[in-house]
N, C-alpha and C. Protein backbone atom coordinates (compact mmCIF):
# COMPACT_ATOMS: atom_id res chain seq x y z
N UNK A 1 50.39 -6.12 -48.94
CA UNK A 1 51.59 -5.37 -49.24
C UNK A 1 51.82 -4.03 -48.41
N UNK A 2 52.84 -3.76 -48.22
CA UNK A 2 53.45 -2.53 -47.63
C UNK A 2 54.25 -1.79 -48.44
N UNK A 3 53.99 -0.55 -48.74
CA UNK A 3 54.83 0.43 -49.47
C UNK A 3 55.52 1.31 -48.44
N UNK A 4 56.97 1.33 -48.75
CA UNK A 4 57.97 2.25 -47.96
C UNK A 4 58.46 3.30 -48.91
N UNK A 5 58.23 4.61 -48.52
CA UNK A 5 58.72 5.79 -49.27
C UNK A 5 59.65 6.63 -48.40
N UNK A 6 60.95 6.74 -48.82
CA UNK A 6 61.91 7.37 -48.01
C UNK A 6 61.93 8.79 -48.55
N UNK A 7 62.31 9.80 -47.67
CA UNK A 7 62.45 11.21 -47.86
C UNK A 7 63.52 11.64 -47.13
N UNK A 8 64.15 12.99 -47.58
CA UNK A 8 64.99 13.55 -46.56
C UNK A 8 66.37 13.53 -47.00
N UNK A 9 66.72 12.82 -47.90
CA UNK A 9 68.11 12.75 -48.52
C UNK A 9 68.48 13.86 -49.25
N UNK A 10 69.82 14.14 -49.44
CA UNK A 10 70.44 15.23 -50.07
C UNK A 10 71.82 15.29 -50.14
N UNK A 11 72.31 16.54 -50.58
CA UNK A 11 73.68 16.78 -50.50
C UNK A 11 73.98 17.85 -49.34
N UNK A 12 74.91 17.38 -48.65
CA UNK A 12 75.39 18.13 -47.39
C UNK A 12 77.00 18.21 -47.41
N UNK A 13 77.28 19.02 -46.42
CA UNK A 13 78.83 19.12 -46.27
C UNK A 13 79.10 18.30 -44.82
N UNK A 14 80.28 17.81 -44.69
CA UNK A 14 80.92 17.17 -43.38
C UNK A 14 80.35 18.02 -42.24
N UNK A 15 79.86 17.16 -41.21
CA UNK A 15 79.55 17.97 -39.93
C UNK A 15 78.08 18.25 -40.02
N UNK A 16 77.42 18.35 -41.05
CA UNK A 16 75.99 18.59 -41.22
C UNK A 16 75.03 17.54 -40.74
N UNK A 17 73.81 17.82 -40.54
CA UNK A 17 72.87 16.90 -40.13
C UNK A 17 71.52 16.65 -41.27
N UNK A 18 71.05 15.55 -41.27
CA UNK A 18 69.98 15.20 -42.08
C UNK A 18 69.00 14.28 -41.23
N UNK A 19 67.64 14.52 -41.54
CA UNK A 19 66.80 13.46 -41.00
C UNK A 19 66.16 12.76 -42.27
N UNK A 20 66.15 11.29 -42.22
CA UNK A 20 65.47 10.88 -43.20
C UNK A 20 64.14 10.29 -42.56
N UNK A 21 63.19 10.21 -43.56
CA UNK A 21 61.79 9.70 -42.93
C UNK A 21 61.41 8.54 -43.90
N UNK A 22 60.75 7.78 -43.40
CA UNK A 22 60.26 6.56 -44.24
C UNK A 22 58.76 6.23 -43.76
N UNK A 23 57.81 6.61 -44.81
CA UNK A 23 56.44 6.48 -44.35
C UNK A 23 55.88 4.99 -44.92
N UNK A 24 55.28 4.44 -44.16
CA UNK A 24 54.62 3.12 -44.63
C UNK A 24 53.23 3.51 -44.94
N UNK A 25 52.90 2.61 -45.91
CA UNK A 25 51.37 2.70 -46.24
C UNK A 25 51.03 1.24 -46.63
N UNK A 26 49.67 0.99 -46.77
CA UNK A 26 49.25 -0.23 -47.19
C UNK A 26 48.67 -1.13 -46.07
N UNK A 27 49.35 -1.07 -44.89
CA UNK A 27 49.07 -1.66 -43.64
C UNK A 27 49.81 -1.04 -42.49
N UNK A 28 49.30 -1.34 -41.19
CA UNK A 28 50.08 -0.70 -40.14
C UNK A 28 51.24 -1.50 -40.02
N UNK A 29 52.45 -0.89 -39.52
CA UNK A 29 53.66 -1.67 -39.37
C UNK A 29 54.12 -1.48 -37.83
N UNK A 30 53.13 -1.22 -37.17
CA UNK A 30 53.34 -0.96 -35.61
C UNK A 30 54.07 -2.36 -35.06
N UNK A 31 53.73 -3.48 -35.70
CA UNK A 31 54.23 -4.65 -35.02
C UNK A 31 55.23 -5.19 -35.65
N UNK A 32 55.78 -4.47 -36.91
CA UNK A 32 56.89 -4.81 -37.63
C UNK A 32 58.21 -4.20 -36.92
N UNK A 33 59.51 -4.97 -37.24
CA UNK A 33 60.69 -4.35 -37.06
C UNK A 33 60.90 -3.46 -38.08
N UNK A 34 61.41 -2.26 -37.91
CA UNK A 34 61.87 -1.33 -38.87
C UNK A 34 63.26 -0.96 -38.76
N UNK A 35 63.97 -0.59 -39.90
CA UNK A 35 65.34 -0.42 -40.02
C UNK A 35 65.91 0.37 -41.05
N UNK A 36 67.21 0.78 -41.10
CA UNK A 36 67.85 1.35 -42.22
C UNK A 36 69.18 0.58 -42.51
N UNK A 37 69.15 0.52 -43.95
CA UNK A 37 70.62 0.05 -44.47
C UNK A 37 70.87 0.92 -45.38
N UNK A 38 72.40 0.85 -45.74
CA UNK A 38 72.81 1.73 -46.76
C UNK A 38 73.77 0.90 -47.62
N UNK A 39 74.08 1.53 -49.01
CA UNK A 39 74.99 1.04 -49.89
C UNK A 39 75.66 2.03 -50.42
N UNK A 40 76.98 1.97 -50.43
CA UNK A 40 77.86 3.03 -50.98
C UNK A 40 78.49 2.47 -52.24
N UNK A 41 78.83 3.24 -53.39
CA UNK A 41 79.41 2.87 -54.41
C UNK A 41 80.49 1.78 -54.30
N UNK A 42 80.30 0.46 -54.96
CA UNK A 42 81.40 -0.23 -54.87
C UNK A 42 81.39 -1.17 -53.62
N UNK A 43 80.50 -0.98 -52.71
CA UNK A 43 80.33 -1.63 -51.45
C UNK A 43 79.06 -2.64 -51.38
N UNK A 44 79.13 -3.42 -50.39
CA UNK A 44 78.24 -4.35 -50.06
C UNK A 44 77.08 -3.55 -49.45
N UNK A 45 75.79 -3.80 -49.37
CA UNK A 45 74.80 -3.35 -48.32
C UNK A 45 75.19 -3.42 -46.88
N UNK A 46 75.11 -2.30 -46.17
CA UNK A 46 75.51 -2.32 -44.79
C UNK A 46 74.30 -2.02 -43.89
N UNK A 47 74.18 -2.69 -42.89
CA UNK A 47 73.14 -2.36 -41.79
C UNK A 47 73.51 -1.07 -41.17
N UNK A 48 72.60 -0.34 -40.90
CA UNK A 48 72.70 1.17 -40.06
C UNK A 48 72.10 1.10 -38.87
N UNK A 49 70.80 0.76 -38.81
CA UNK A 49 70.04 0.93 -37.63
C UNK A 49 68.85 0.27 -37.58
N UNK A 50 68.22 -0.16 -36.51
CA UNK A 50 66.97 -0.96 -36.47
C UNK A 50 66.21 -0.66 -35.17
N UNK A 51 65.01 -0.63 -35.05
CA UNK A 51 64.20 -0.35 -34.13
C UNK A 51 63.22 -1.62 -34.02
N UNK A 52 63.14 -2.26 -33.09
CA UNK A 52 61.98 -3.40 -33.06
C UNK A 52 60.77 -2.99 -32.33
N UNK A 53 59.65 -3.62 -32.84
CA UNK A 53 58.33 -3.29 -32.09
C UNK A 53 58.31 -3.61 -30.70
N UNK A 54 57.40 -3.24 -29.96
CA UNK A 54 57.38 -3.51 -28.32
C UNK A 54 57.29 -5.14 -28.31
N UNK A 55 56.88 -5.78 -29.17
CA UNK A 55 56.92 -7.28 -29.05
C UNK A 55 57.97 -8.09 -29.34
N UNK A 56 59.07 -7.37 -29.68
CA UNK A 56 60.31 -8.01 -30.14
C UNK A 56 61.40 -7.14 -29.36
N UNK A 57 62.06 -7.65 -28.59
CA UNK A 57 63.20 -7.15 -27.73
C UNK A 57 62.64 -5.99 -27.13
N UNK A 58 61.46 -5.88 -26.64
CA UNK A 58 60.94 -4.73 -26.10
C UNK A 58 61.08 -3.37 -26.77
N UNK A 59 61.21 -3.31 -27.92
CA UNK A 59 61.32 -2.21 -28.72
C UNK A 59 62.76 -1.78 -28.74
N UNK A 60 63.74 -2.62 -28.64
CA UNK A 60 65.12 -2.34 -28.53
C UNK A 60 65.78 -1.75 -29.80
N UNK A 61 66.67 -0.80 -29.74
CA UNK A 61 67.40 -0.24 -30.86
C UNK A 61 68.79 -0.85 -31.06
N UNK A 62 69.39 -0.86 -32.10
CA UNK A 62 70.52 -1.42 -32.52
C UNK A 62 71.17 -0.62 -33.64
N UNK A 63 72.40 -0.21 -33.44
CA UNK A 63 73.19 0.38 -34.63
C UNK A 63 74.55 -0.02 -35.07
N UNK A 64 74.82 0.01 -36.16
CA UNK A 64 76.38 -0.23 -36.38
C UNK A 64 77.16 0.59 -35.75
N UNK A 65 78.47 -0.02 -35.48
CA UNK A 65 79.49 0.70 -34.93
C UNK A 65 79.85 1.94 -35.41
N UNK A 66 79.79 2.10 -36.97
CA UNK A 66 80.27 3.26 -37.53
C UNK A 66 79.28 4.50 -37.46
N UNK A 67 78.14 4.08 -37.03
CA UNK A 67 77.14 5.21 -36.82
C UNK A 67 76.67 5.63 -35.33
N UNK A 68 77.01 4.64 -34.55
CA UNK A 68 76.55 4.65 -32.99
C UNK A 68 77.25 6.04 -32.45
N UNK A 69 76.24 6.55 -31.76
CA UNK A 69 76.65 7.94 -31.21
C UNK A 69 76.31 9.16 -31.97
N UNK A 70 76.20 8.95 -33.38
CA UNK A 70 75.84 10.07 -34.43
C UNK A 70 74.39 9.97 -34.90
N UNK A 71 73.84 8.67 -35.05
CA UNK A 71 72.57 8.40 -35.63
C UNK A 71 71.84 8.05 -34.76
N UNK A 72 70.50 8.52 -35.00
CA UNK A 72 69.25 8.06 -33.99
C UNK A 72 68.15 7.41 -34.69
N UNK A 73 67.60 6.27 -34.50
CA UNK A 73 66.47 5.74 -35.21
C UNK A 73 65.29 5.93 -34.12
N UNK A 74 64.22 6.22 -34.70
CA UNK A 74 63.05 6.41 -33.86
C UNK A 74 61.76 5.89 -34.84
N UNK A 75 60.84 5.80 -34.08
CA UNK A 75 59.66 5.52 -34.94
C UNK A 75 58.44 6.03 -34.35
N UNK A 76 57.39 6.41 -35.12
CA UNK A 76 56.13 7.00 -34.77
C UNK A 76 55.02 6.10 -35.32
N UNK A 77 54.46 5.27 -34.38
CA UNK A 77 53.58 4.10 -34.92
C UNK A 77 52.13 4.93 -35.33
N UNK A 78 51.82 6.02 -34.67
CA UNK A 78 50.78 6.73 -34.95
C UNK A 78 50.91 7.28 -36.58
N UNK A 79 52.03 7.48 -36.96
CA UNK A 79 52.14 7.95 -38.37
C UNK A 79 52.57 6.77 -39.18
N UNK A 80 52.89 5.70 -38.75
CA UNK A 80 53.42 4.66 -39.51
C UNK A 80 54.60 4.88 -40.11
N UNK A 81 55.65 5.61 -39.55
CA UNK A 81 56.61 6.08 -40.03
C UNK A 81 57.93 5.83 -39.01
N UNK A 82 58.98 5.84 -39.71
CA UNK A 82 60.44 5.57 -39.05
C UNK A 82 61.38 6.58 -39.45
N UNK A 83 62.20 7.13 -38.60
CA UNK A 83 63.01 8.20 -38.87
C UNK A 83 64.41 7.87 -38.60
N UNK A 84 65.37 8.32 -39.43
CA UNK A 84 66.57 8.29 -38.96
C UNK A 84 67.48 9.64 -38.96
N UNK A 85 67.75 10.04 -37.70
CA UNK A 85 68.20 11.40 -37.56
C UNK A 85 69.96 11.29 -37.53
N UNK A 86 70.58 11.85 -38.55
CA UNK A 86 71.76 11.72 -38.91
C UNK A 86 72.61 12.83 -38.40
N UNK A 87 73.35 12.79 -37.53
CA UNK A 87 74.17 14.15 -36.96
C UNK A 87 75.74 13.95 -37.27
N UNK A 88 76.55 14.92 -37.55
CA UNK A 88 77.89 14.90 -37.59
C UNK A 88 78.36 14.18 -38.76
N UNK A 89 77.76 14.30 -39.95
CA UNK A 89 77.84 13.49 -41.00
C UNK A 89 79.29 13.60 -41.41
N UNK A 90 79.77 12.39 -42.21
CA UNK A 90 81.02 12.34 -42.65
C UNK A 90 81.01 11.74 -44.11
N UNK A 91 81.98 12.26 -44.80
CA UNK A 91 82.17 11.72 -46.28
C UNK A 91 81.94 10.18 -46.34
N UNK A 92 82.39 9.29 -45.39
CA UNK A 92 82.12 7.94 -45.63
C UNK A 92 80.52 7.50 -45.29
N UNK A 93 79.69 8.51 -45.04
CA UNK A 93 78.25 8.10 -44.85
C UNK A 93 77.62 8.31 -46.21
N UNK A 94 78.36 8.68 -47.22
CA UNK A 94 77.85 8.95 -48.45
C UNK A 94 77.25 7.48 -49.03
N UNK A 95 75.92 7.37 -49.26
CA UNK A 95 75.48 6.12 -49.73
C UNK A 95 73.91 6.22 -50.30
N UNK A 96 73.38 5.20 -50.63
CA UNK A 96 71.88 5.26 -50.85
C UNK A 96 71.38 4.58 -49.49
N UNK A 97 70.49 5.19 -48.97
CA UNK A 97 69.96 4.53 -47.79
C UNK A 97 68.63 4.03 -47.99
N UNK A 98 68.37 2.82 -47.44
CA UNK A 98 67.09 2.17 -47.62
C UNK A 98 66.21 1.91 -46.45
N UNK A 99 65.06 2.20 -46.43
CA UNK A 99 64.19 1.61 -45.36
C UNK A 99 63.90 0.28 -45.40
N UNK A 100 63.61 -0.42 -44.41
CA UNK A 100 63.21 -1.85 -44.37
C UNK A 100 62.37 -2.06 -43.40
N UNK A 101 61.54 -3.05 -43.74
CA UNK A 101 60.46 -3.50 -42.66
C UNK A 101 60.42 -5.06 -42.58
N UNK A 102 60.49 -5.65 -41.43
CA UNK A 102 60.36 -6.99 -41.39
C UNK A 102 59.30 -7.40 -40.42
N UNK A 103 58.40 -8.33 -40.58
CA UNK A 103 57.29 -8.58 -39.83
C UNK A 103 57.65 -9.20 -38.44
N UNK A 104 58.88 -9.64 -38.39
CA UNK A 104 59.42 -9.96 -37.05
C UNK A 104 60.36 -9.03 -36.45
N UNK A 105 61.53 -9.05 -36.94
CA UNK A 105 62.64 -7.99 -36.42
C UNK A 105 63.58 -7.87 -37.77
N UNK A 106 64.36 -6.76 -37.56
CA UNK A 106 65.22 -6.35 -38.68
C UNK A 106 66.51 -6.93 -38.06
N UNK A 107 67.27 -8.09 -38.91
CA UNK A 107 68.49 -8.44 -38.50
C UNK A 107 69.64 -7.85 -39.31
N UNK A 108 70.69 -7.83 -38.79
CA UNK A 108 71.75 -7.06 -39.34
C UNK A 108 72.11 -7.46 -40.87
N UNK A 109 72.03 -8.84 -41.21
CA UNK A 109 72.22 -9.25 -42.35
C UNK A 109 71.02 -8.84 -43.46
N UNK A 110 69.89 -8.57 -42.94
CA UNK A 110 68.87 -8.21 -43.70
C UNK A 110 68.30 -9.15 -44.61
N UNK A 111 68.47 -10.54 -44.24
CA UNK A 111 68.17 -11.48 -45.16
C UNK A 111 66.68 -11.91 -45.13
N UNK A 112 65.94 -11.45 -44.29
CA UNK A 112 64.47 -11.83 -44.24
C UNK A 112 63.73 -10.68 -44.12
N UNK A 113 64.09 -9.51 -44.68
CA UNK A 113 63.38 -8.25 -44.80
C UNK A 113 62.20 -8.47 -45.71
N UNK A 114 61.03 -8.13 -45.29
CA UNK A 114 59.73 -8.25 -46.14
C UNK A 114 59.59 -7.19 -47.00
N UNK A 115 60.05 -5.94 -46.84
CA UNK A 115 59.68 -4.86 -47.46
C UNK A 115 60.74 -3.83 -47.66
N UNK A 116 61.12 -3.32 -48.79
CA UNK A 116 62.37 -2.40 -48.92
C UNK A 116 61.56 -1.34 -49.52
N UNK A 117 62.21 -0.05 -48.96
CA UNK A 117 61.92 1.25 -49.77
C UNK A 117 62.85 1.30 -51.12
N UNK A 118 62.55 2.29 -51.75
CA UNK A 118 63.26 2.47 -53.00
C UNK A 118 64.69 3.13 -52.94
N UNK A 119 65.03 3.86 -51.76
CA UNK A 119 66.33 4.38 -51.49
C UNK A 119 66.37 5.80 -51.64
N UNK A 120 67.04 6.41 -50.86
CA UNK A 120 67.27 7.92 -50.98
C UNK A 120 68.68 8.07 -50.84
N UNK A 121 69.26 9.11 -51.81
CA UNK A 121 70.68 9.23 -51.76
C UNK A 121 71.08 10.40 -50.74
N UNK A 122 72.14 9.72 -50.10
CA UNK A 122 72.66 10.91 -49.14
C UNK A 122 74.29 11.34 -49.55
N UNK A 123 74.53 12.29 -49.94
CA UNK A 123 75.86 12.81 -50.20
C UNK A 123 76.51 13.79 -49.24
N UNK A 124 77.63 13.30 -48.76
CA UNK A 124 78.27 14.32 -47.87
C UNK A 124 79.50 14.67 -48.42
N UNK A 125 79.75 15.78 -48.71
CA UNK A 125 80.97 16.23 -49.21
C UNK A 125 81.97 16.89 -48.05
N UNK A 126 83.36 16.73 -48.44
CA UNK A 126 84.33 17.15 -47.51
C UNK A 126 84.39 18.63 -47.28
């Protein structure tokens, strides 16, 4: 089993930045795809970003159109951790953000995710 623990969420104002961290424990996830999803009140879960391992898509990154250019996903395999740097935050970014790990790769629909974090709240005020 893999445990995923997010940190770094909070309350910020529009235009501010946050960096979310997701630390994995239990086993190495260096060969897993790692990613982030979010769910806003009354909305369906939404794909945010993903980064593959080097064995899948050569470690390619993927972003939703709504965050492209503002968010950056990165991973540190030595620390078994994935990050989401969020810049120029907007009120519509307000959501619970979930870290996800897939033994193959993180797809946009999240249908085959093997492990989910508990979520961390990000609130962006106007």
